[in-house]
Amino acid sequence: MREPTFGSLKPRVVGIILLASLVCGFTLLAAFGLPNASAAHGLPANHSQADQHGFTGGWLKGQTVQFFYTREFFCEPPPPSGAPSQCEVGEEGGTDPRPGKIPTLFVMTPLGFRPADATLHCPIVGSCINHPSTIDLSRIGGPADAPLPAHSHIINVMHGGWWELVVIGVKNTETWDQIVAGKSLATVRALQAADPASNNITGDIPTNAYLFFNVQPQ
């Protein structure tokens, strides 16, 4: 597991803003049902019997790429989660889907505002291909069973297989637009370094969640 960098992140403040964002988004877009569990592909009992195949966008070093998903998400306690998905934001997981080093997917999440859908790789609250429908936000001051927020993705390496999720909250349109223009982890790191008080962007927030996809040029 990678060691996340919190910087000056204030978890309860982030949780309150994220909760407000989720409530706003949920009134606009109905959440979809959470898949039931199975042992398909050797996954534990909290995963879907029918892994879907599909695409989302992603950003890699200034370019837009495609993520091709072929397996359901993986979320296992510890930490314990109040969501049916067993997915948790705010604490790193104790169980990996496979041994060895796993690269990081940075989940860029708008907090308290709704950016243009064209800038969101997963624009529908509560529904994105092979993502959990709900997550536990209680460790950062939110509800224990919240719908998945709309978000976008940033990676820093080409890879196929499992990715560990780290959440980064973006607090205003101006900061979001800079990330959309930069399309890179380097842009995000520069914005974080310039904002030690986390007024515009949070530090890295760990999760126990993993997604499975291959990266393809667009």
Foldseek 3Di string as FASTA:
>chain_A
DDDFDFQQFQLQVQQVQQQLQQVVQCVVFPADDFAAADCPPNADGLFHPDQDWDWFWAFEQQAIWIWTAGGAKHADDDVAAPASSRKEWFDAHPDDPDDDDAFAKEWEAEGNDQDDPVLWRFQHWQDDRRYGQWAQSVNSNHHRTTGHHTTHIAGHDFDFFKHFYKYKYFYDDVLSVQCSRRRHVVSVVVVCVVCSNCPGMGGIIGMHMMGGTGIGGD
